[in-house]
């Protein structure tokens, strides 16, 4: 059963409600072998996932190469691929060791160089097309321009706009772990989509203050990443991580309270975490990083799991969700 597809802004690009995040098959934190990576993508296809996200940053290009290989031979019109610009990969022939300082268990064969110039954007897209073995990219995101917002706005964004007009790209967006800079881009540019990571979940709704309402008003699609907040909402327990660090006790306790309410309604916490973002009308998809076929099948099962309206109501009654936060059954009224 294929997941429902939702359009991104006024573009011709649509995404399945569940998207495959390919950072993990770029050896995020720990190695994944070629066969395991291919099996994860195959499982996504079997589950009806047709949207795949990668970036040059992920494993120094390994994620793009593996994703391209795994998708080769599949009907190109049936899936969407997103990648990112802002980091150029340059060979480092004298380098030794690994790339774990940047989070990836791969040899340090290249170094990353921030580049949000127009030439850098074109070079990045050309190199991504080669690694992916594709002739077009469906979505290109400006990747983490936290310290480069002005250059991304005045140089990188216009370059992506031209590539979209040329048909090299189907849609353009911005992907960040914060909501403020993307909100500015929604106001000042003609974006199709925002990839918002770690800012809209059962535990934190920072994206609701400004970004999500603006996106809904301007018809910009939003893809939500980090719905498990670095794993805490997948399995809350002592030692779990929250936003890439050890979860503070008060945050862990809140996650355990969320889990208890979910269990009373017969719903796994993972299922509620995956379904929650769709309460907001701007949200088109949730993006989950998976490194194995088993993880893919679990995410698909969890997103398909029914979540009763009474669960959201109890979360609000107990103060675990603010009363103004839209929940999925409300978005259908």
C-alpha atoms as a PDB file:
ATOM      1  CA  UNK A   1       0.000   0.000   0.000  1.00  0.00           C
ATOM      2  CA  UNK A   2       1.556   3.256  -1.150  1.00  0.00           C
ATOM      3  CA  UNK A   3       1.459   6.186   1.253  1.00  0.00           C
ATOM      4  CA  UNK A   4      -0.651   9.139   0.213  1.00  0.00           C
ATOM      5  CA  UNK A   5       1.216  11.836  -1.705  1.00  0.00           C
ATOM      6  CA  UNK A   6       0.904  15.518  -0.868  1.00  0.00           C
ATOM      7  CA  UNK A   7       1.946  18.394  -3.162  1.00  0.00           C
ATOM      8  CA  UNK A   8       4.701  20.862  -2.271  1.00  0.00           C
ATOM      9  CA  UNK A   9       3.566  24.432  -2.770  1.00  0.00           C
ATOM     10  CA  UNK A  10       2.748  25.325  -6.361  1.00  0.00           C
ATOM     11  CA  UNK A  11       5.391  22.949  -7.734  1.00  0.00           C
ATOM     12  CA  UNK A  12       4.665  19.761  -9.623  1.00  0.00           C
ATOM     13  CA  UNK A  13       6.510  17.787  -6.929  1.00  0.00           C
ATOM     14  CA  UNK A  14       4.648  15.702  -4.364  1.00  0.00           C
ATOM     15  CA  UNK A  15       5.930  13.661  -1.438  1.00  0.00           C
ATOM     16  CA  UNK A  16       4.642  10.573   0.271  1.00  0.00           C
ATOM     17  CA  UNK A  17       3.516  11.166   3.852  1.00  0.00           C
ATOM     18  CA  UNK A  18       6.457   9.053   5.017  1.00  0.00           C
ATOM     19  CA  UNK A  19       9.864   9.856   3.517  1.00  0.00           C
ATOM     20  CA  UNK A  20      13.100   7.860   3.737  1.00  0.00           C
ATOM     21  CA  UNK A  21      15.993   9.775   5.294  1.00  0.00           C
ATOM     22  CA  UNK A  22      19.244   8.441   3.859  1.00  0.00           C
ATOM     23  CA  UNK A  23      21.750   9.916   6.328  1.00  0.00           C
ATOM     24  CA  UNK A  24      21.945   6.579   8.145  1.00  0.00           C
ATOM     25  CA  UNK A  25      22.945   4.675   5.004  1.00  0.00           C
ATOM     26  CA  UNK A  26      25.771   7.199   4.722  1.00  0.00           C
ATOM     27  CA  UNK A  27      27.172   5.569   7.885  1.00  0.00           C
ATOM     28  CA  UNK A  28      25.772   8.065  10.362  1.00  0.00           C
ATOM     29  CA  UNK A  29      27.570   7.310  13.659  1.00  0.00           C
ATOM     30  CA  UNK A  30      28.088   3.610  12.836  1.00  0.00           C
ATOM     31  CA  UNK A  31      28.866   1.673   9.654  1.00  0.00           C
ATOM     32  CA  UNK A  32      26.195   0.172   7.404  1.00  0.00           C
ATOM     33  CA  UNK A  33      27.305  -2.186   4.649  1.00  0.00           C
ATOM     34  CA  UNK A  34      26.191  -1.922   1.030  1.00  0.00           C
ATOM     35  CA  UNK A  35      23.766  -4.835   1.281  1.00  0.00           C
ATOM     36  CA  UNK A  36      22.063  -3.447   4.392  1.00  0.00           C
ATOM     37  CA  UNK A  37      21.708  -0.032   2.738  1.00  0.00           C
ATOM     38  CA  UNK A  38      20.151  -1.556  -0.374  1.00  0.00           C
ATOM     39  CA  UNK A  39      17.790  -3.657   1.732  1.00  0.00           C
ATOM     40  CA  UNK A  40      16.631  -0.563   3.636  1.00  0.00           C
ATOM     41  CA  UNK A  41      15.755   1.236   0.392  1.00  0.00           C
ATOM     42  CA  UNK A  42      14.064  -1.913  -0.948  1.00  0.00           C
ATOM     43  CA  UNK A  43      11.975  -2.144   2.229  1.00  0.00           C
ATOM     44  CA  UNK A  44      10.948   1.495   1.805  1.00  0.00           C
ATOM     45  CA  UNK A  45       9.815   0.762  -1.735  1.00  0.00           C
ATOM     46  CA  UNK A  46       7.869  -2.303  -0.581  1.00  0.00           C
ATOM     47  CA  UNK A  47       6.114  -0.192   2.049  1.00  0.00           C
ATOM     48  CA  UNK A  48       4.995   2.369  -0.521  1.00  0.00           C
ATOM     49  CA  UNK A  49       7.509   5.080   0.368  1.00  0.00           C
ATOM     50  CA  UNK A  50       8.373   7.052  -2.749  1.00  0.00           C
ATOM     51  CA  UNK A  51      10.279  10.042  -1.315  1.00  0.00           C
ATOM     52  CA  UNK A  52      13.982   9.795  -0.493  1.00  0.00           C
ATOM     53  CA  UNK A  53      16.215  12.457   1.079  1.00  0.00           C
ATOM     54  CA  UNK A  54      19.997  12.666   1.032  1.00  0.00           C
ATOM     55  CA  UNK A  55      22.850  15.208   0.983  1.00  0.00           C
ATOM     56  CA  UNK A  56      26.538  15.439   0.036  1.00  0.00           C
ATOM     57  CA  UNK A  57      27.270  15.965   3.736  1.00  0.00           C
ATOM     58  CA  UNK A  58      25.993  12.479   4.612  1.00  0.00           C
ATOM     59  CA  UNK A  59      29.015  10.213   4.606  1.00  0.00           C
ATOM     60  CA  UNK A  60      31.028  12.467   2.274  1.00  0.00           C
ATOM     61  CA  UNK A  61      28.826  11.488  -0.645  1.00  0.00           C
ATOM     62  CA  UNK A  62      28.336   7.850   0.370  1.00  0.00           C
ATOM     63  CA  UNK A  63      24.627   8.349   1.072  1.00  0.00           C
ATOM     64  CA  UNK A  64      24.012   9.818  -2.396  1.00  0.00           C
ATOM     65  CA  UNK A  65      25.956   7.046  -4.136  1.00  0.00           C
ATOM     66  CA  UNK A  66      24.176   4.281  -2.239  1.00  0.00           C
ATOM     67  CA  UNK A  67      20.752   5.825  -2.745  1.00  0.00           C
ATOM     68  CA  UNK A  68      21.361   6.265  -6.469  1.00  0.00           C
ATOM     69  CA  UNK A  69      22.481   2.659  -6.773  1.00  0.00           C
ATOM     70  CA  UNK A  70      19.482   1.332  -4.830  1.00  0.00           C
ATOM     71  CA  UNK A  71      17.001   3.335  -6.917  1.00  0.00           C
ATOM     72  CA  UNK A  72      18.598   2.494 -10.271  1.00  0.00           C
ATOM     73  CA  UNK A  73      16.185   0.700 -12.559  1.00  0.00           C
ATOM     74  CA  UNK A  74      13.061   1.875 -10.744  1.00  0.00           C
ATOM     75  CA  UNK A  75      10.581   3.999 -12.731  1.00  0.00           C
ATOM     76  CA  UNK A  76      11.890   7.562 -12.425  1.00  0.00           C
ATOM     77  CA  UNK A  77       8.430   9.099 -12.547  1.00  0.00           C
ATOM     78  CA  UNK A  78       7.352   7.126  -9.479  1.00  0.00           C
ATOM     79  CA  UNK A  79       9.723   8.574  -6.865  1.00  0.00           C
ATOM     80  CA  UNK A  80      11.184  11.870  -5.675  1.00  0.00           C
ATOM     81  CA  UNK A  81      14.737  12.502  -4.533  1.00  0.00           C
ATOM     82  CA  UNK A  82      15.830  15.498  -2.500  1.00  0.00           C
ATOM     83  CA  UNK A  83      19.405  16.533  -1.850  1.00  0.00           C
ATOM     84  CA  UNK A  84      21.061  19.656  -0.491  1.00  0.00           C
ATOM     85  CA  UNK A  85      23.497  22.456  -1.310  1.00  0.00           C
ATOM     86  CA  UNK A  86      25.846  24.513   0.835  1.00  0.00           C
ATOM     87  CA  UNK A  87      28.709  22.101   1.461  1.00  0.00           C
ATOM     88  CA  UNK A  88      31.185  21.365  -1.332  1.00  0.00           C
ATOM     89  CA  UNK A  89      33.211  18.156  -1.053  1.00  0.00           C
ATOM     90  CA  UNK A  90      36.882  18.598  -1.913  1.00  0.00           C
ATOM     91  CA  UNK A  91      39.371  15.706  -2.128  1.00  0.00           C
ATOM     92  CA  UNK A  92      41.797  15.398   0.778  1.00  0.00           C
ATOM     93  CA  UNK A  93      44.348  12.918  -0.543  1.00  0.00           C
ATOM     94  CA  UNK A  94      46.735  13.356   2.376  1.00  0.00           C
ATOM     95  CA  UNK A  95      44.041  12.920   5.029  1.00  0.00           C
ATOM     96  CA  UNK A  96      44.008   9.900   7.294  1.00  0.00           C
ATOM     97  CA  UNK A  97      41.510   8.533   9.773  1.00  0.00           C
ATOM     98  CA  UNK A  98      37.742   8.768   9.661  1.00  0.00           C
ATOM     99  CA  UNK A  99      35.001  11.379   9.548  1.00  0.00           C
ATOM    100  CA  UNK A 100      33.469  10.591  12.933  1.00  0.00           C
ATOM    101  CA  UNK A 101      34.173  14.128  14.147  1.00  0.00           C
ATOM    102  CA  UNK A 102      31.429  15.113  11.706  1.00  0.00           C
ATOM    103  CA  UNK A 103      29.242  12.167  12.664  1.00  0.00           C
ATOM    104  CA  UNK A 104      29.994   9.685   9.877  1.00  0.00           C
ATOM    105  CA  UNK A 105      31.908   6.409  10.065  1.00  0.00           C
ATOM    106  CA  UNK A 106      33.634   6.765   6.696  1.00  0.00           C
ATOM    107  CA  UNK A 107      37.257   7.377   5.674  1.00  0.00           C
ATOM    108  CA  UNK A 108      38.180  11.070   5.612  1.00  0.00           C
ATOM    109  CA  UNK A 109      38.749  11.109   1.851  1.00  0.00           C
ATOM    110  CA  UNK A 110      37.243  14.577   1.422  1.00  0.00           C
ATOM    111  CA  UNK A 111      36.756  17.755   3.372  1.00  0.00           C
ATOM    112  CA  UNK A 112      33.647  19.907   3.441  1.00  0.00           C
ATOM    113  CA  UNK A 113      33.771  23.560   2.460  1.00  0.00           C
ATOM    114  CA  UNK A 114      30.836  25.869   3.086  1.00  0.00           C
ATOM    115  CA  UNK A 115      29.774  27.446  -0.203  1.00  0.00           C
ATOM    116  CA  UNK A 116      26.509  29.271  -0.796  1.00  0.00           C
ATOM    117  CA  UNK A 117      27.729  31.128  -3.895  1.00  0.00           C
ATOM    118  CA  UNK A 118      25.894  30.713  -7.200  1.00  0.00           C
ATOM    119  CA  UNK A 119      28.850  28.828  -8.669  1.00  0.00           C
ATOM    120  CA  UNK A 120      29.023  26.640  -5.591  1.00  0.00           C
ATOM    121  CA  UNK A 121      25.344  25.762  -5.906  1.00  0.00           C
ATOM    122  CA  UNK A 122      25.722  24.757  -9.554  1.00  0.00           C
ATOM    123  CA  UNK A 123      28.817  22.710  -8.798  1.00  0.00           C
ATOM    124  CA  UNK A 124      27.098  21.004  -5.873  1.00  0.00           C
ATOM    125  CA  UNK A 125      24.054  20.074  -7.964  1.00  0.00           C
ATOM    126  CA  UNK A 126      26.217  18.735 -10.808  1.00  0.00           C
ATOM    127  CA  UNK A 127      28.226  16.591  -8.410  1.00  0.00           C
ATOM    128  CA  UNK A 128      25.076  15.308  -6.692  1.00  0.00           C
ATOM    129  CA  UNK A 129      23.576  14.364 -10.067  1.00  0.00           C
ATOM    130  CA  UNK A 130      26.717  12.366 -10.814  1.00  0.00           C
ATOM    131  CA  UNK A 131      26.728  10.576  -7.467  1.00  0.00           C
ATOM    132  CA  UNK A 132      23.003   9.831  -7.696  1.00  0.00           C
ATOM    133  CA  UNK A 133      23.262   8.898 -11.388  1.00  0.00           C
ATOM    134  CA  UNK A 134      20.214  11.047 -12.188  1.00  0.00           C
ATOM    135  CA  UNK A 135      19.478  13.686 -14.819  1.00  0.00           C
ATOM    136  CA  UNK A 136      17.330  15.827 -12.522  1.00  0.00           C
ATOM    137  CA  UNK A 137      16.717  16.388  -8.822  1.00  0.00           C
ATOM    138  CA  UNK A 138      13.192  16.762  -7.530  1.00  0.00           C
ATOM    139  CA  UNK A 139      13.984  18.945  -4.496  1.00  0.00           C
ATOM    140  CA  UNK A 140      17.141  20.875  -3.596  1.00  0.00           C
ATOM    141  CA  UNK A 141      17.395  22.317  -0.099  1.00  0.00           C
ATOM    142  CA  UNK A 142      19.664  25.071   1.169  1.00  0.00           C
ATOM    143  CA  UNK A 143      21.371  23.034   3.887  1.00  0.00           C
ATOM    144  CA  UNK A 144      21.947  24.568   7.321  1.00  0.00           C
ATOM    145  CA  UNK A 145      22.787  28.170   6.305  1.00  0.00           C
ATOM    146  CA  UNK A 146      22.761  29.253   9.977  1.00  0.00           C
ATOM    147  CA  UNK A 147      25.943  31.325   9.627  1.00  0.00           C
ATOM    148  CA  UNK A 148      25.474  32.061   5.924  1.00  0.00           C
ATOM    149  CA  UNK A 149      21.899  33.301   5.754  1.00  0.00           C
ATOM    150  CA  UNK A 150      22.629  36.469   3.769  1.00  0.00           C
ATOM    151  CA  UNK A 151      24.698  34.704   1.131  1.00  0.00           C
ATOM    152  CA  UNK A 152      22.157  31.899   0.924  1.00  0.00           C
ATOM    153  CA  UNK A 153      19.421  34.460   0.376  1.00  0.00           C
ATOM    154  CA  UNK A 154      21.199  36.685  -2.162  1.00  0.00           C
ATOM    155  CA  UNK A 155      23.361  34.155  -4.063  1.00  0.00           C
ATOM    156  CA  UNK A 156      22.389  30.536  -3.451  1.00  0.00           C
ATOM    157  CA  UNK A 157      18.621  30.972  -3.590  1.00  0.00           C
ATOM    158  CA  UNK A 158      18.656  32.840  -6.954  1.00  0.00           C
ATOM    159  CA  UNK A 159      20.895  30.108  -8.379  1.00  0.00           C
ATOM    160  CA  UNK A 160      18.426  27.434  -7.292  1.00  0.00           C
ATOM    161  CA  UNK A 161      15.602  29.520  -8.728  1.00  0.00           C
ATOM    162  CA  UNK A 162      17.337  29.552 -12.128  1.00  0.00           C
ATOM    163  CA  UNK A 163      17.968  25.808 -11.977  1.00  0.00           C
ATOM    164  CA  UNK A 164      14.291  25.278 -11.233  1.00  0.00           C
ATOM    165  CA  UNK A 165      13.385  27.384 -14.268  1.00  0.00           C
ATOM    166  CA  UNK A 166      15.810  25.312 -16.374  1.00  0.00           C
ATOM    167  CA  UNK A 167      14.129  22.078 -15.277  1.00  0.00           C
ATOM    168  CA  UNK A 168      17.191  20.716 -13.467  1.00  0.00           C
ATOM    169  CA  UNK A 169      15.216  20.964 -10.204  1.00  0.00           C
ATOM    170  CA  UNK A 170      11.549  20.419  -9.579  1.00  0.00           C
ATOM    171  CA  UNK A 171      11.295  22.334  -6.302  1.00  0.00           C
ATOM    172  CA  UNK A 172      13.519  24.337  -3.972  1.00  0.00           C
ATOM    173  CA  UNK A 173      13.571  24.624  -0.223  1.00  0.00           C
ATOM    174  CA  UNK A 174      15.562  25.176   2.911  1.00  0.00           C
ATOM    175  CA  UNK A 175      16.450  22.555   5.512  1.00  0.00           C
ATOM    176  CA  UNK A 176      17.437  23.521   9.061  1.00  0.00           C
ATOM    177  CA  UNK A 177      17.319  22.555  12.735  1.00  0.00           C
ATOM    178  CA  UNK A 178      15.758  25.912  13.621  1.00  0.00           C
ATOM    179  CA  UNK A 179      12.593  27.756  12.604  1.00  0.00           C
ATOM    180  CA  UNK A 180      13.631  31.430  12.519  1.00  0.00           C
ATOM    181  CA  UNK A 181      15.787  31.538   9.365  1.00  0.00           C
ATOM    182  CA  UNK A 182      13.385  29.334   7.375  1.00  0.00           C
ATOM    183  CA  UNK A 183      10.544  31.671   8.371  1.00  0.00           C
ATOM    184  CA  UNK A 184      12.492  34.556   6.850  1.00  0.00           C
ATOM    185  CA  UNK A 185      12.973  32.620   3.616  1.00  0.00           C
ATOM    186  CA  UNK A 186       9.264  31.804   3.478  1.00  0.00           C
ATOM    187  CA  UNK A 187       8.514  35.530   3.766  1.00  0.00           C
ATOM    188  CA  UNK A 188      11.137  36.789   1.329  1.00  0.00           C
ATOM    189  CA  UNK A 189      11.443  34.122  -1.375  1.00  0.00           C
ATOM    190  CA  UNK A 190       9.404  31.783  -3.543  1.00  0.00           C
ATOM    191  CA  UNK A 191      10.226  28.534  -1.762  1.00  0.00           C
ATOM    192  CA  UNK A 192       8.244  25.374  -2.395  1.00  0.00           C
ATOM    193  CA  UNK A 193       9.159  23.512   0.785  1.00  0.00           C
ATOM    194  CA  UNK A 194      10.839  23.733   4.190  1.00  0.00           C
ATOM    195  CA  UNK A 195      12.522  20.771   5.858  1.00  0.00           C
ATOM    196  CA  UNK A 196      12.197  21.499   9.568  1.00  0.00           C
ATOM    197  CA  UNK A 197      14.137  19.167  11.850  1.00  0.00           C
ATOM    198  CA  UNK A 198      13.638  18.793  15.589  1.00  0.00           C
ATOM    199  CA  UNK A 199      11.334  21.803  15.956  1.00  0.00           C
ATOM    200  CA  UNK A 200       7.866  20.288  15.688  1.00  0.00           C
ATOM    201  CA  UNK A 201       7.180  17.172  17.714  1.00  0.00           C
ATOM    202  CA  UNK A 202       5.242  15.952  20.721  1.00  0.00           C
ATOM    203  CA  UNK A 203       7.993  17.404  22.903  1.00  0.00           C
ATOM    204  CA  UNK A 204       8.645  20.746  21.209  1.00  0.00           C
ATOM    205  CA  UNK A 205       6.542  22.955  18.979  1.00  0.00           C
ATOM    206  CA  UNK A 206       8.941  25.837  18.253  1.00  0.00           C
ATOM    207  CA  UNK A 207       7.927  25.815  14.605  1.00  0.00           C
ATOM    208  CA  UNK A 208       4.340  26.696  15.470  1.00  0.00           C
ATOM    209  CA  UNK A 209       5.061  30.255  16.575  1.00  0.00           C
ATOM    210  CA  UNK A 210       5.894  31.692  13.159  1.00  0.00           C
ATOM    211  CA  UNK A 211       7.076  29.266  10.499  1.00  0.00           C
ATOM    212  CA  UNK A 212       4.152  26.874  10.186  1.00  0.00           C
ATOM    213  CA  UNK A 213       1.441  29.566  10.054  1.00  0.00           C
ATOM    214  CA  UNK A 214       3.432  31.491   7.436  1.00  0.00           C
ATOM    215  CA  UNK A 215       3.994  28.357   5.377  1.00  0.00           C
ATOM    216  CA  UNK A 216       0.281  27.552   5.451  1.00  0.00           C
ATOM    217  CA  UNK A 217      -0.614  31.108   4.455  1.00  0.00           C
ATOM    218  CA  UNK A 218       1.837  31.190   1.541  1.00  0.00           C
ATOM    219  CA  UNK A 219       1.214  27.637   0.360  1.00  0.00           C
ATOM    220  CA  UNK A 220       4.687  26.333   1.211  1.00  0.00           C
ATOM    221  CA  UNK A 221       4.911  22.642   2.034  1.00  0.00           C
ATOM    222  CA  UNK A 222       6.664  21.579   5.238  1.00  0.00           C
ATOM    223  CA  UNK A 223       8.534  18.322   5.778  1.00  0.00           C
ATOM    224  CA  UNK A 224       9.077  17.461   9.429  1.00  0.00           C
ATOM    225  CA  UNK A 225      12.277  15.703  10.473  1.00  0.00           C
ATOM    226  CA  UNK A 226      13.340  14.622  13.928  1.00  0.00           C
ATOM    227  CA  UNK A 227       9.895  13.528  15.109  1.00  0.00           C
ATOM    228  CA  UNK A 228      11.585  11.228  17.643  1.00  0.00           C
ATOM    229  CA  UNK A 229      13.872  14.040  18.897  1.00  0.00           C
ATOM    230  CA  UNK A 230      17.100  12.027  18.486  1.00  0.00           C
ATOM    231  CA  UNK A 231      15.484   8.853  19.775  1.00  0.00           C
ATOM    232  CA  UNK A 232      13.834   9.939  23.011  1.00  0.00           C
ATOM    233  CA  UNK A 233      10.307   9.542  21.621  1.00  0.00           C
ATOM    234  CA  UNK A 234      11.200   6.211  20.054  1.00  0.00           C
ATOM    235  CA  UNK A 235      12.199   4.680  23.388  1.00  0.00           C
ATOM    236  CA  UNK A 236      12.202   6.967  26.436  1.00  0.00           C
ATOM    237  CA  UNK A 237      14.486   5.591  29.127  1.00  0.00           C
ATOM    238  CA  UNK A 238      17.466   6.753  31.202  1.00  0.00           C
ATOM    239  CA  UNK A 239      20.387   7.489  28.918  1.00  0.00           C
ATOM    240  CA  UNK A 240      18.208   8.323  25.901  1.00  0.00           C
ATOM    241  CA  UNK A 241      19.213  11.296  23.774  1.00  0.00           C
ATOM    242  CA  UNK A 242      17.203  14.433  23.047  1.00  0.00           C
ATOM    243  CA  UNK A 243      18.320  16.766  20.259  1.00  0.00           C
ATOM    244  CA  UNK A 244      21.749  15.090  19.978  1.00  0.00           C
ATOM    245  CA  UNK A 245      22.552  15.201  23.719  1.00  0.00           C
ATOM    246  CA  UNK A 246      21.608  13.320  26.874  1.00  0.00           C
ATOM    247  CA  UNK A 247      17.986  14.033  27.725  1.00  0.00           C
ATOM    248  CA  UNK A 248      17.583  16.276  30.784  1.00  0.00           C
ATOM    249  CA  UNK A 249      15.587  14.603  33.577  1.00  0.00           C
ATOM    250  CA  UNK A 250      12.558  16.871  33.128  1.00  0.00           C
ATOM    251  CA  UNK A 251      12.414  16.143  29.390  1.00  0.00           C
ATOM    252  CA  UNK A 252      12.778  12.396  29.980  1.00  0.00           C
ATOM    253  CA  UNK A 253       9.954  12.513  32.546  1.00  0.00           C
ATOM    254  CA  UNK A 254       7.729  14.328  30.063  1.00  0.00           C
ATOM    255  CA  UNK A 255       8.458  11.705  27.417  1.00  0.00           C
ATOM    256  CA  UNK A 256       7.583   8.954  29.899  1.00  0.00           C
ATOM    257  CA  UNK A 257       4.283  10.712  30.663  1.00  0.00           C
ATOM    258  CA  UNK A 258       3.544  10.890  26.932  1.00  0.00           C
ATOM    259  CA  UNK A 259       4.284   7.176  26.644  1.00  0.00           C
ATOM    260  CA  UNK A 260       1.962   6.340  29.550  1.00  0.00           C
ATOM    261  CA  UNK A 261      -0.964   8.235  27.999  1.00  0.00           C
ATOM    262  CA  UNK A 262      -0.364   6.545  24.655  1.00  0.00           C
ATOM    263  CA  UNK A 263      -0.320   3.111  26.271  1.00  0.00           C
ATOM    264  CA  UNK A 264      -3.660   3.779  27.962  1.00  0.00           C
ATOM    265  CA  UNK A 265      -5.127   4.287  24.493  1.00  0.00           C
ATOM    266  CA  UNK A 266      -3.407   1.257  23.011  1.00  0.00           C
ATOM    267  CA  UNK A 267      -1.096   3.355  20.849  1.00  0.00           C
ATOM    268  CA  UNK A 268       2.705   3.014  20.697  1.00  0.00           C
ATOM    269  CA  UNK A 269       4.441   6.309  21.435  1.00  0.00           C
ATOM    270  CA  UNK A 270       6.240   6.017  18.088  1.00  0.00           C
ATOM    271  CA  UNK A 271       2.910   5.968  16.281  1.00  0.00           C
ATOM    272  CA  UNK A 272       1.686   9.126  18.013  1.00  0.00           C
ATOM    273  CA  UNK A 273       5.015  10.870  17.358  1.00  0.00           C
ATOM    274  CA  UNK A 274       4.846  10.086  13.642  1.00  0.00           C
ATOM    275  CA  UNK A 275       1.190  11.107  13.266  1.00  0.00           C
ATOM    276  CA  UNK A 276       1.276  14.274  15.388  1.00  0.00           C
ATOM    277  CA  UNK A 277       2.785  16.707  12.804  1.00  0.00           C
ATOM    278  CA  UNK A 278      -0.057  16.082  10.361  1.00  0.00           C
ATOM    279  CA  UNK A 279      -2.364  18.048  12.615  1.00  0.00           C
ATOM    280  CA  UNK A 280      -0.985  21.179  10.966  1.00  0.00           C
ATOM    281  CA  UNK A 281      -2.260  21.818   7.427  1.00  0.00           C
ATOM    282  CA  UNK A 282       1.161  22.978   6.175  1.00  0.00           C
ATOM    283  CA  UNK A 283       2.778  19.591   6.876  1.00  0.00           C
ATOM    284  CA  UNK A 284       3.181  17.393   3.807  1.00  0.00           C
ATOM    285  CA  UNK A 285       5.464  14.630   5.053  1.00  0.00           C
ATOM    286  CA  UNK A 286       7.503  13.264   7.936  1.00  0.00           C
ATOM    287  CA  UNK A 287      11.101  12.306   7.212  1.00  0.00           C
ATOM    288  CA  UNK A 288      12.621   9.486   9.248  1.00  0.00           C
ATOM    289  CA  UNK A 289      16.214   8.318   9.082  1.00  0.00           C
ATOM    290  CA  UNK A 290      16.401   4.535   8.913  1.00  0.00           C
ATOM    291  CA  UNK A 291      19.408   2.246   8.550  1.00  0.00           C
ATOM    292  CA  UNK A 292      17.795  -1.180   8.124  1.00  0.00           C
ATOM    293  CA  UNK A 293      14.815  -2.883   6.557  1.00  0.00           C
ATOM    294  CA  UNK A 294      13.443  -3.639  10.035  1.00  0.00           C
ATOM    295  CA  UNK A 295      13.478   0.041  10.998  1.00  0.00           C
ATOM    296  CA  UNK A 296      11.731   0.984   7.749  1.00  0.00           C
ATOM    297  CA  UNK A 297       8.978  -1.589   8.253  1.00  0.00           C
ATOM    298  CA  UNK A 298       8.489  -0.445  11.857  1.00  0.00           C
ATOM    299  CA  UNK A 299       8.105   3.218  10.880  1.00  0.00           C
ATOM    300  CA  UNK A 300       5.609   2.357   8.161  1.00  0.00           C
ATOM    301  CA  UNK A 301       3.594   0.209  10.554  1.00  0.00           C
ATOM    302  CA  UNK A 302       3.633   2.917  13.205  1.00  0.00           C
ATOM    303  CA  UNK A 303       2.448   5.661  10.843  1.00  0.00           C
ATOM    304  CA  UNK A 304      -0.422   3.428   9.711  1.00  0.00           C
ATOM    305  CA  UNK A 305      -1.418   2.655  13.325  1.00  0.00           C
ATOM    306  CA  UNK A 306      -4.761   4.297  14.257  1.00  0.00           C
ATOM    307  CA  UNK A 307      -4.491   7.136  16.770  1.00  0.00           C
ATOM    308  CA  UNK A 308      -7.847   8.017  18.401  1.00  0.00           C
ATOM    309  CA  UNK A 309      -8.948  11.602  18.961  1.00  0.00           C
ATOM    310  CA  UNK A 310      -9.296  10.810  22.657  1.00  0.00           C
ATOM    311  CA  UNK A 311      -5.521  10.419  22.943  1.00  0.00           C
ATOM    312  CA  UNK A 312      -4.844  13.958  21.707  1.00  0.00           C
ATOM    313  CA  UNK A 313      -7.583  15.254  23.987  1.00  0.00           C
ATOM    314  CA  UNK A 314      -6.029  13.623  27.053  1.00  0.00           C
ATOM    315  CA  UNK A 315      -2.580  14.963  26.178  1.00  0.00           C
ATOM    316  CA  UNK A 316      -4.048  18.474  26.185  1.00  0.00           C
ATOM    317  CA  UNK A 317      -6.042  17.901  29.360  1.00  0.00           C
ATOM    318  CA  UNK A 318      -2.870  16.800  31.152  1.00  0.00           C
ATOM    319  CA  UNK A 319      -0.869  19.751  29.862  1.00  0.00           C
ATOM    320  CA  UNK A 320       1.411  17.532  27.779  1.00  0.00           C
ATOM    321  CA  UNK A 321       0.367  19.442  24.659  1.00  0.00           C
ATOM    322  CA  UNK A 322      -0.576  23.140  24.619  1.00  0.00           C
ATOM    323  CA  UNK A 323      -4.291  23.704  23.991  1.00  0.00           C
ATOM    324  CA  UNK A 324      -3.629  25.715  20.822  1.00  0.00           C
ATOM    325  CA  UNK A 325      -1.594  23.003  19.080  1.00  0.00           C
ATOM    326  CA  UNK A 326      -3.549  21.499  16.164  1.00  0.00           C
ATOM    327  CA  UNK A 327      -3.863  17.737  16.288  1.00  0.00           C
ATOM    328  CA  UNK A 328      -4.615  15.401  13.383  1.00  0.00           C
ATOM    329  CA  UNK A 329      -8.354  14.952  13.869  1.00  0.00           C
ATOM    330  CA  UNK A 330      -8.778  18.737  14.060  1.00  0.00           C
ATOM    331  CA  UNK A 331      -7.095  19.243  10.694  1.00  0.00           C
ATOM    332  CA  UNK A 332      -9.817  17.196   9.009  1.00  0.00           C
ATOM    333  CA  UNK A 333     -12.738  19.232  10.330  1.00  0.00           C
END
